[in-house]
């Protein structure tokens, strides 16, 4: 029984490490900005802000960007092409 538990814990830790490394590698390519930079872009009309938080996270949050458009993150295929290519998309 101890061997199975040790194996399970080892696998779980390995998977967590792989996930952390993968997340870090993927996020390194994503441009980030400050809230002041975003505010300036919104005021200039240069971006479309999409709130793609999961339903529960979105509903329970007291923090929402006023101009953001709510989109379901599990339905990207249905909304990905409906926004202007003339403006940058900011997803949060």
PDB file of N, CA and C in Angstrom:
ATOM      1  N   UNK A   1       0.822  -1.191   0.000  1.00  0.00           N
ATOM      2  CA  UNK A   1       0.000   0.000   0.000  1.00  0.00           C
ATOM      3  C   UNK A   1       0.867   1.256   0.000  1.00  0.00           C
ATOM      4  N   UNK A   2       1.971   1.245   0.790  1.00  0.00           N
ATOM      5  CA  UNK A   2       2.861   2.408   0.835  1.00  0.00           C
ATOM      6  C   UNK A   2       3.491   2.662  -0.525  1.00  0.00           C
ATOM      7  N   UNK A   3       3.841   1.570  -1.235  1.00  0.00           N
ATOM      8  CA  UNK A   3       4.455   1.726  -2.552  1.00  0.00           C
ATOM      9  C   UNK A   3       3.513   2.413  -3.527  1.00  0.00           C
ATOM     10  N   UNK A   4       2.237   2.055  -3.491  1.00  0.00           N
ATOM     11  CA  UNK A   4       1.257   2.683  -4.380  1.00  0.00           C
ATOM     12  C   UNK A   4       1.086   4.158  -4.038  1.00  0.00           C
ATOM     13  N   UNK A   5       1.034   4.473  -2.753  1.00  0.00           N
ATOM     14  CA  UNK A   5       0.888   5.867  -2.334  1.00  0.00           C
ATOM     15  C   UNK A   5       2.113   6.675  -2.734  1.00  0.00           C
ATOM     16  N   UNK A   6       3.291   6.107  -2.543  1.00  0.00           N
ATOM     17  CA  UNK A   6       4.528   6.800  -2.925  1.00  0.00           C
ATOM     18  C   UNK A   6       4.577   7.020  -4.429  1.00  0.00           C
ATOM     19  N   UNK A   7       4.182   6.016  -5.173  1.00  0.00           N
ATOM     20  CA  UNK A   7       4.163   6.143  -6.631  1.00  0.00           C
ATOM     21  C   UNK A   7       3.185   7.220  -7.066  1.00  0.00           C
ATOM     22  N   UNK A   8       1.996   7.226  -6.466  1.00  0.00           N
ATOM     23  CA  UNK A   8       0.986   8.223  -6.804  1.00  0.00           C
ATOM     24  C   UNK A   8       1.481   9.632  -6.481  1.00  0.00           C
ATOM     25  N   UNK A   9       2.060   9.810  -5.290  1.00  0.00           N
ATOM     26  CA  UNK A   9       2.574  11.124  -4.896  1.00  0.00           C
ATOM     27  C   UNK A   9       3.690  11.553  -5.833  1.00  0.00           C
ATOM     28  N   UNK A  10       4.576  10.645  -6.173  1.00  0.00           N
ATOM     29  CA  UNK A  10       5.667  10.954  -7.101  1.00  0.00           C
ATOM     30  C   UNK A  10       5.143  11.371  -8.466  1.00  0.00           C
ATOM     31  N   UNK A  11       4.134  10.656  -8.974  1.00  0.00           N
ATOM     32  CA  UNK A  11       3.542  10.997 -10.269  1.00  0.00           C
ATOM     33  C   UNK A  11       2.855  12.357 -10.199  1.00  0.00           C
ATOM     34  N   UNK A  12       2.142  12.616  -9.112  1.00  0.00           N
ATOM     35  CA  UNK A  12       1.443  13.888  -8.962  1.00  0.00           C
ATOM     36  C   UNK A  12       2.435  15.041  -8.925  1.00  0.00           C
ATOM     37  N   UNK A  13       3.526  14.873  -8.188  1.00  0.00           N
ATOM     38  CA  UNK A  13       4.546  15.925  -8.119  1.00  0.00           C
ATOM     39  C   UNK A  13       5.217  16.128  -9.475  1.00  0.00           C
ATOM     40  N   UNK A  14       5.484  15.048 -10.181  1.00  0.00           N
ATOM     41  CA  UNK A  14       6.084  15.147 -11.510  1.00  0.00           C
ATOM     42  C   UNK A  14       5.166  15.892 -12.472  1.00  0.00           C
ATOM     43  N   UNK A  15       3.881  15.560 -12.426  1.00  0.00           N
ATOM     44  CA  UNK A  15       2.920  16.227 -13.298  1.00  0.00           C
ATOM     45  C   UNK A  15       2.814  17.708 -12.952  1.00  0.00           C
ATOM     46  N   UNK A  16       2.835  18.031 -11.663  1.00  0.00           N
ATOM     47  CA  UNK A  16       2.768  19.432 -11.251  1.00  0.00           C
ATOM     48  C   UNK A  16       3.988  20.196 -11.751  1.00  0.00           C
ATOM     49  N   UNK A  17       5.158  19.570 -11.684  1.00  0.00           N
ATOM     50  CA  UNK A  17       6.376  20.211 -12.164  1.00  0.00           C
ATOM     51  C   UNK A  17       6.314  20.437 -13.669  1.00  0.00           C
ATOM     52  N   UNK A  18       5.870  19.439 -14.419  1.00  0.00           N
ATOM     53  CA  UNK A  18       5.746  19.582 -15.875  1.00  0.00           C
ATOM     54  C   UNK A  18       4.761  20.694 -16.205  1.00  0.00           C
ATOM     55  N   UNK A  19       3.638  20.719 -15.519  1.00  0.00           N
ATOM     56  CA  UNK A  19       2.638  21.761 -15.751  1.00  0.00           C
ATOM     57  C   UNK A  19       3.215  23.143 -15.466  1.00  0.00           C
ATOM     58  N   UNK A  20       3.933  23.283 -14.359  1.00  0.00           N
ATOM     59  CA  UNK A  20       4.523  24.577 -14.000  1.00  0.00           C
ATOM     60  C   UNK A  20       5.534  25.026 -15.045  1.00  0.00           C
ATOM     61  N   UNK A  21       6.376  24.103 -15.495  1.00  0.00           N
ATOM     62  CA  UNK A  21       7.376  24.454 -16.514  1.00  0.00           C
ATOM     63  C   UNK A  21       6.719  24.810 -17.842  1.00  0.00           C
ATOM     64  N   UNK A  22       5.706  24.048 -18.225  1.00  0.00           N
ATOM     65  CA  UNK A  22       5.001  24.314 -19.470  1.00  0.00           C
ATOM     66  C   UNK A  22       4.272  25.650 -19.412  1.00  0.00           C
ATOM     67  N   UNK A  23       3.598  25.921 -18.309  1.00  0.00           N
ATOM     68  CA  UNK A  23       2.897  27.190 -18.153  1.00  0.00           C
ATOM     69  C   UNK A  23       3.861  28.361 -18.228  1.00  0.00           C
ATOM     70  N   UNK A  24       4.991  28.215 -17.585  1.00  0.00           N
ATOM     71  CA  UNK A  24       6.002  29.270 -17.593  1.00  0.00           C
ATOM     72  C   UNK A  24       6.521  29.499 -19.001  1.00  0.00           C
ATOM     73  N   UNK A  25       6.780  28.430 -19.726  1.00  0.00           N
ATOM     74  CA  UNK A  25       7.308  28.554 -21.092  1.00  0.00           C
ATOM     75  C   UNK A  25       6.289  29.203 -22.011  1.00  0.00           C
ATOM     76  N   UNK A  26       5.029  28.819 -21.893  1.00  0.00           N
ATOM     77  CA  UNK A  26       3.997  29.380 -22.750  1.00  0.00           C
ATOM     78  C   UNK A  26       3.727  30.842 -22.421  1.00  0.00           C
ATOM     79  N   UNK A  27       3.724  31.181 -21.158  1.00  0.00           N
ATOM     80  CA  UNK A  27       3.414  32.553 -20.772  1.00  0.00           C
ATOM     81  C   UNK A  27       4.549  33.511 -21.105  1.00  0.00           C
ATOM     82  N   UNK A  28       5.745  33.003 -21.335  1.00  0.00           N
ATOM     83  CA  UNK A  28       6.877  33.873 -21.677  1.00  0.00           C
ATOM     84  C   UNK A  28       6.645  34.566 -23.013  1.00  0.00           C
ATOM     85  N   UNK A  29       5.848  33.964 -23.895  1.00  0.00           N
ATOM     86  CA  UNK A  29       5.596  34.542 -25.218  1.00  0.00           C
ATOM     87  C   UNK A  29       4.404  35.489 -25.238  1.00  0.00           C
ATOM     88  N   UNK A  30       3.684  35.591 -24.145  1.00  0.00           N
ATOM     89  CA  UNK A  30       2.488  36.414 -24.096  1.00  0.00           C
ATOM     90  C   UNK A  30       2.862  37.819 -23.633  1.00  0.00           C
ATOM     91  N   UNK A  31       2.484  38.806 -24.432  1.00  0.00           N
ATOM     92  CA  UNK A  31       2.768  40.193 -24.061  1.00  0.00           C
ATOM     93  C   UNK A  31       1.940  40.569 -22.839  1.00  0.00           C
ATOM     94  N   UNK A  32       2.555  41.285 -21.943  1.00  0.00           N
ATOM     95  CA  UNK A  32       1.870  41.742 -20.736  1.00  0.00           C
ATOM     96  C   UNK A  32       1.885  43.260 -20.712  1.00  0.00           C
ATOM     97  N   UNK A  33       0.913  43.848 -20.012  1.00  0.00           N
ATOM     98  CA  UNK A  33       0.866  45.304 -19.891  1.00  0.00           C
ATOM     99  C   UNK A  33       0.339  45.684 -18.525  1.00  0.00           C
ATOM    100  N   UNK A  34       0.619  46.903 -18.149  1.00  0.00           N
ATOM    101  CA  UNK A  34       0.122  47.406 -16.872  1.00  0.00           C
ATOM    102  C   UNK A  34      -1.308  47.891 -17.057  1.00  0.00           C
ATOM    103  N   UNK A  35      -1.997  48.134 -15.960  1.00  0.00           N
ATOM    104  CA  UNK A  35      -3.364  48.639 -16.068  1.00  0.00           C
ATOM    105  C   UNK A  35      -3.374  50.039 -16.680  1.00  0.00           C
ATOM    106  N   UNK A  36      -2.325  50.839 -16.432  1.00  0.00           N
ATOM    107  CA  UNK A  36      -2.258  52.175 -17.031  1.00  0.00           C
ATOM    108  C   UNK A  36      -2.062  52.095 -18.546  1.00  0.00           C
ATOM    109  N   UNK A  37      -1.249  51.148 -18.987  1.00  0.00           N
ATOM    110  CA  UNK A  37      -1.060  50.953 -20.431  1.00  0.00           C
ATOM    111  C   UNK A  37      -2.369  50.508 -21.078  1.00  0.00           C
ATOM    112  N   UNK A  38      -3.070  49.597 -20.420  1.00  0.00           N
ATOM    113  CA  UNK A  38      -4.355  49.134 -20.947  1.00  0.00           C
ATOM    114  C   UNK A  38      -5.360  50.266 -20.980  1.00  0.00           C
ATOM    115  N   UNK A  39      -5.432  51.043 -19.921  1.00  0.00           N
ATOM    116  CA  UNK A  39      -6.368  52.168 -19.863  1.00  0.00           C
ATOM    117  C   UNK A  39      -6.134  53.125 -21.034  1.00  0.00           C
ATOM    118  N   UNK A  40      -4.879  53.423 -21.322  1.00  0.00           N
ATOM    119  CA  UNK A  40      -4.548  54.328 -22.432  1.00  0.00           C
ATOM    120  C   UNK A  40      -5.004  53.748 -23.766  1.00  0.00           C
ATOM    121  N   UNK A  41      -4.800  52.456 -23.972  1.00  0.00           N
ATOM    122  CA  UNK A  41      -5.225  51.821 -25.224  1.00  0.00           C
ATOM    123  C   UNK A  41      -6.740  51.804 -25.356  1.00  0.00           C
ATOM    124  N   UNK A  42      -7.436  51.575 -24.250  1.00  0.00           N
ATOM    125  CA  UNK A  42      -8.902  51.588 -24.265  1.00  0.00           C
ATOM    126  C   UNK A  42      -9.396  52.987 -24.615  1.00  0.00           C
ATOM    127  N   UNK A  43      -8.820  53.999 -23.981  1.00  0.00           N
ATOM    128  CA  UNK A  43      -9.235  55.383 -24.235  1.00  0.00           C
ATOM    129  C   UNK A  43      -9.001  55.791 -25.685  1.00  0.00           C
ATOM    130  N   UNK A  44      -7.969  55.260 -26.311  1.00  0.00           N
ATOM    131  CA  UNK A  44      -7.673  55.565 -27.717  1.00  0.00           C
ATOM    132  C   UNK A  44      -8.494  54.703 -28.677  1.00  0.00           C
ATOM    133  N   UNK A  45      -9.219  53.725 -28.132  1.00  0.00           N
ATOM    134  CA  UNK A  45     -10.028  52.840 -28.977  1.00  0.00           C
ATOM    135  C   UNK A  45      -9.196  51.871 -29.790  1.00  0.00           C
ATOM    136  N   UNK A  46      -8.016  51.521 -29.292  1.00  0.00           N
ATOM    137  CA  UNK A  46      -7.102  50.671 -30.042  1.00  0.00           C
ATOM    138  C   UNK A  46      -7.206  49.188 -29.713  1.00  0.00           C
ATOM    139  N   UNK A  47      -8.003  48.843 -28.720  1.00  0.00           N
ATOM    140  CA  UNK A  47      -8.098  47.446 -28.309  1.00  0.00           C
ATOM    141  C   UNK A  47      -9.546  47.039 -28.065  1.00  0.00           C
ATOM    142  N   UNK A  48      -9.749  45.749 -28.127  1.00  0.00           N
ATOM    143  CA  UNK A  48     -11.004  45.139 -27.700  1.00  0.00           C
ATOM    144  C   UNK A  48     -10.621  44.249 -26.520  1.00  0.00           C
ATOM    145  N   UNK A  49     -11.243  44.486 -25.381  1.00  0.00           N
ATOM    146  CA  UNK A  49     -10.920  43.724 -24.177  1.00  0.00           C
ATOM    147  C   UNK A  49     -11.960  42.620 -24.013  1.00  0.00           C
ATOM    148  N   UNK A  50     -11.472  41.391 -23.908  1.00  0.00           N
ATOM    149  CA  UNK A  50     -12.341  40.242 -23.728  1.00  0.00           C
ATOM    150  C   UNK A  50     -12.080  39.625 -22.359  1.00  0.00           C
ATOM    151  N   UNK A  51     -13.122  39.465 -21.592  1.00  0.00           N
ATOM    152  CA  UNK A  51     -13.037  38.816 -20.286  1.00  0.00           C
ATOM    153  C   UNK A  51     -13.350  37.345 -20.513  1.00  0.00           C
ATOM    154  N   UNK A  52     -12.338  36.504 -20.422  1.00  0.00           N
ATOM    155  CA  UNK A  52     -12.507  35.078 -20.706  1.00  0.00           C
ATOM    156  C   UNK A  52     -12.352  34.218 -19.455  1.00  0.00           C
ATOM    157  N   UNK A  53     -12.628  34.817 -18.312  1.00  0.00           N
ATOM    158  CA  UNK A  53     -12.590  34.023 -17.082  1.00  0.00           C
ATOM    159  C   UNK A  53     -13.735  33.026 -17.090  1.00  0.00           C
ATOM    160  N   UNK A  54     -13.538  31.932 -16.373  1.00  0.00           N
ATOM    161  CA  UNK A  54     -14.595  30.924 -16.298  1.00  0.00           C
ATOM    162  C   UNK A  54     -15.821  31.530 -15.630  1.00  0.00           C
ATOM    163  N   UNK A  55     -16.961  30.961 -15.876  1.00  0.00           N
ATOM    164  CA  UNK A  55     -18.219  31.500 -15.377  1.00  0.00           C
ATOM    165  C   UNK A  55     -18.232  31.798 -13.899  1.00  0.00           C
ATOM    166  N   UNK A  56     -17.776  30.864 -13.096  1.00  0.00           N
ATOM    167  CA  UNK A  56     -17.777  31.046 -11.645  1.00  0.00           C
ATOM    168  C   UNK A  56     -16.816  32.160 -11.232  1.00  0.00           C
ATOM    169  N   UNK A  57     -15.617  32.185 -11.833  1.00  0.00           N
ATOM    170  CA  UNK A  57     -14.652  33.238 -11.503  1.00  0.00           C
ATOM    171  C   UNK A  57     -15.175  34.609 -11.918  1.00  0.00           C
ATOM    172  N   UNK A  58     -15.805  34.665 -13.072  1.00  0.00           N
ATOM    173  CA  UNK A  58     -16.338  35.935 -13.568  1.00  0.00           C
ATOM    174  C   UNK A  58     -17.486  36.427 -12.687  1.00  0.00           C
ATOM    175  N   UNK A  59     -18.406  35.535 -12.386  1.00  0.00           N
ATOM    176  CA  UNK A  59     -19.577  35.915 -11.584  1.00  0.00           C
ATOM    177  C   UNK A  59     -19.201  36.348 -10.170  1.00  0.00           C
ATOM    178  N   UNK A  60     -18.231  35.690  -9.586  1.00  0.00           N
ATOM    179  CA  UNK A  60     -17.881  35.983  -8.196  1.00  0.00           C
ATOM    180  C   UNK A  60     -16.916  37.156  -8.047  1.00  0.00           C
ATOM    181  N   UNK A  61     -16.382  37.652  -9.144  1.00  0.00           N
ATOM    182  CA  UNK A  61     -15.398  38.729  -9.061  1.00  0.00           C
ATOM    183  C   UNK A  61     -16.059  40.093  -8.922  1.00  0.00           C
ATOM    184  N   UNK A  62     -15.514  40.889  -8.043  1.00  0.00           N
ATOM    185  CA  UNK A  62     -15.985  42.268  -7.932  1.00  0.00           C
ATOM    186  C   UNK A  62     -15.181  43.181  -8.859  1.00  0.00           C
ATOM    187  N   UNK A  63     -14.164  42.625  -9.514  1.00  0.00           N
ATOM    188  CA  UNK A  63     -13.307  43.393 -10.412  1.00  0.00           C
ATOM    189  C   UNK A  63     -13.577  43.024 -11.858  1.00  0.00           C
ATOM    190  N   UNK A  64     -14.126  43.968 -12.593  1.00  0.00           N
ATOM    191  CA  UNK A  64     -14.391  43.773 -14.018  1.00  0.00           C
ATOM    192  C   UNK A  64     -14.019  45.051 -14.745  1.00  0.00           C
ATOM    193  N   UNK A  65     -13.458  44.893 -15.928  1.00  0.00           N
ATOM    194  CA  UNK A  65     -13.130  46.053 -16.750  1.00  0.00           C
ATOM    195  C   UNK A  65     -14.422  46.505 -17.416  1.00  0.00           C
ATOM    196  N   UNK A  66     -14.762  47.763 -17.224  1.00  0.00           N
ATOM    197  CA  UNK A  66     -16.052  48.309 -17.666  1.00  0.00           C
ATOM    198  C   UNK A  66     -16.346  48.040 -19.142  1.00  0.00           C
ATOM    199  N   UNK A  67     -15.380  48.187 -20.009  1.00  0.00           N
ATOM    200  CA  UNK A  67     -15.614  48.041 -21.453  1.00  0.00           C
ATOM    201  C   UNK A  67     -15.417  46.614 -21.956  1.00  0.00           C
ATOM    202  N   UNK A  68     -15.044  45.701 -21.078  1.00  0.00           N
ATOM    203  CA  UNK A  68     -14.749  44.332 -21.505  1.00  0.00           C
ATOM    204  C   UNK A  68     -16.003  43.608 -21.979  1.00  0.00           C
ATOM    205  N   UNK A  69     -15.800  42.754 -22.946  1.00  0.00           N
ATOM    206  CA  UNK A  69     -16.868  41.910 -23.482  1.00  0.00           C
ATOM    207  C   UNK A  69     -16.661  40.515 -22.915  1.00  0.00           C
ATOM    208  N   UNK A  70     -17.681  39.963 -22.336  1.00  0.00           N
ATOM    209  CA  UNK A  70     -17.593  38.624 -21.745  1.00  0.00           C
ATOM    210  C   UNK A  70     -17.708  37.581 -22.839  1.00  0.00           C
ATOM    211  N   UNK A  71     -16.733  36.679 -22.895  1.00  0.00           N
ATOM    212  CA  UNK A  71     -16.768  35.563 -23.832  1.00  0.00           C
ATOM    213  C   UNK A  71     -16.466  34.277 -23.076  1.00  0.00           C
ATOM    214  N   UNK A  72     -17.143  33.215 -23.468  1.00  0.00           N
ATOM    215  CA  UNK A  72     -16.952  31.914 -22.842  1.00  0.00           C
ATOM    216  C   UNK A  72     -15.630  31.320 -23.324  1.00  0.00           C
ATOM    217  N   UNK A  73     -14.694  31.044 -22.416  1.00  0.00           N
ATOM    218  CA  UNK A  73     -13.395  30.520 -22.829  1.00  0.00           C
ATOM    219  C   UNK A  73     -13.463  29.135 -23.467  1.00  0.00           C
ATOM    220  N   UNK A  74     -14.529  28.407 -23.232  1.00  0.00           N
ATOM    221  CA  UNK A  74     -14.647  27.077 -23.836  1.00  0.00           C
ATOM    222  C   UNK A  74     -15.250  27.135 -25.241  1.00  0.00           C
ATOM    223  N   UNK A  75     -15.622  28.339 -25.693  1.00  0.00           N
ATOM    224  CA  UNK A  75     -16.256  28.491 -27.001  1.00  0.00           C
ATOM    225  C   UNK A  75     -15.435  29.361 -27.950  1.00  0.00           C
ATOM    226  N   UNK A  76     -14.123  29.306 -27.835  1.00  0.00           N
ATOM    227  CA  UNK A  76     -13.252  30.172 -28.633  1.00  0.00           C
ATOM    228  C   UNK A  76     -13.566  30.082 -30.126  1.00  0.00           C
ATOM    229  N   UNK A  77     -13.804  28.907 -30.628  1.00  0.00           N
ATOM    230  CA  UNK A  77     -14.062  28.735 -32.058  1.00  0.00           C
ATOM    231  C   UNK A  77     -15.271  29.537 -32.527  1.00  0.00           C
ATOM    232  N   UNK A  78     -16.241  29.739 -31.654  1.00  0.00           N
ATOM    233  CA  UNK A  78     -17.453  30.454 -32.066  1.00  0.00           C
ATOM    234  C   UNK A  78     -17.299  31.972 -32.040  1.00  0.00           C
ATOM    235  N   UNK A  79     -16.305  32.507 -31.330  1.00  0.00           N
ATOM    236  CA  UNK A  79     -16.168  33.968 -31.260  1.00  0.00           C
ATOM    237  C   UNK A  79     -14.815  34.501 -31.721  1.00  0.00           C
ATOM    238  N   UNK A  80     -13.872  33.655 -31.987  1.00  0.00           N
ATOM    239  CA  UNK A  80     -12.511  34.108 -32.303  1.00  0.00           C
ATOM    240  C   UNK A  80     -12.438  34.997 -33.534  1.00  0.00           C
ATOM    241  N   UNK A  81     -13.266  34.771 -34.512  1.00  0.00           N
ATOM    242  CA  UNK A  81     -13.181  35.543 -35.756  1.00  0.00           C
ATOM    243  C   UNK A  81     -14.196  36.668 -35.871  1.00  0.00           C
ATOM    244  N   UNK A  82     -14.968  36.924 -34.842  1.00  0.00           N
ATOM    245  CA  UNK A  82     -16.008  37.944 -34.966  1.00  0.00           C
ATOM    246  C   UNK A  82     -15.516  39.353 -34.640  1.00  0.00           C
ATOM    247  N   UNK A  83     -14.279  39.479 -34.156  1.00  0.00           N
ATOM    248  CA  UNK A  83     -13.761  40.796 -33.794  1.00  0.00           C
ATOM    249  C   UNK A  83     -12.856  41.354 -34.881  1.00  0.00           C
ATOM    250  N   UNK A  84     -12.853  42.672 -34.975  1.00  0.00           N
ATOM    251  CA  UNK A  84     -12.077  43.380 -35.985  1.00  0.00           C
ATOM    252  C   UNK A  84     -10.596  43.034 -35.910  1.00  0.00           C
ATOM    253  N   UNK A  85     -10.002  42.826 -37.070  1.00  0.00           N
ATOM    254  CA  UNK A  85      -8.557  42.578 -37.139  1.00  0.00           C
ATOM    255  C   UNK A  85      -7.784  43.901 -37.052  1.00  0.00           C
ATOM    256  N   UNK A  86      -8.503  45.009 -37.076  1.00  0.00           N
ATOM    257  CA  UNK A  86      -7.876  46.329 -37.010  1.00  0.00           C
ATOM    258  C   UNK A  86      -7.450  46.693 -35.593  1.00  0.00           C
ATOM    259  N   UNK A  87      -8.004  46.011 -34.610  1.00  0.00           N
ATOM    260  CA  UNK A  87      -7.709  46.293 -33.212  1.00  0.00           C
ATOM    261  C   UNK A  87      -7.075  45.084 -32.559  1.00  0.00           C
ATOM    262  N   UNK A  88      -6.239  45.343 -31.574  1.00  0.00           N
ATOM    263  CA  UNK A  88      -5.634  44.256 -30.810  1.00  0.00           C
ATOM    264  C   UNK A  88      -6.670  43.681 -29.858  1.00  0.00           C
ATOM    265  N   UNK A  89      -6.635  42.390 -29.652  1.00  0.00           N
ATOM    266  CA  UNK A  89      -7.490  41.745 -28.661  1.00  0.00           C
ATOM    267  C   UNK A  89      -6.699  41.573 -27.379  1.00  0.00           C
ATOM    268  N   UNK A  90      -7.292  41.988 -26.281  1.00  0.00           N
ATOM    269  CA  UNK A  90      -6.693  41.814 -24.960  1.00  0.00           C
ATOM    270  C   UNK A  90      -7.597  40.854 -24.215  1.00  0.00           C
ATOM    271  N   UNK A  91      -7.068  39.689 -23.854  1.00  0.00           N
ATOM    272  CA  UNK A  91      -7.855  38.703 -23.129  1.00  0.00           C
ATOM    273  C   UNK A  91      -7.398  38.670 -21.678  1.00  0.00           C
ATOM    274  N   UNK A  92      -8.371  38.663 -20.787  1.00  0.00           N
ATOM    275  CA  UNK A  92      -8.027  38.488 -19.374  1.00  0.00           C
ATOM    276  C   UNK A  92      -9.070  37.640 -18.702  1.00  0.00           C
TER     277      UNK A  92
END
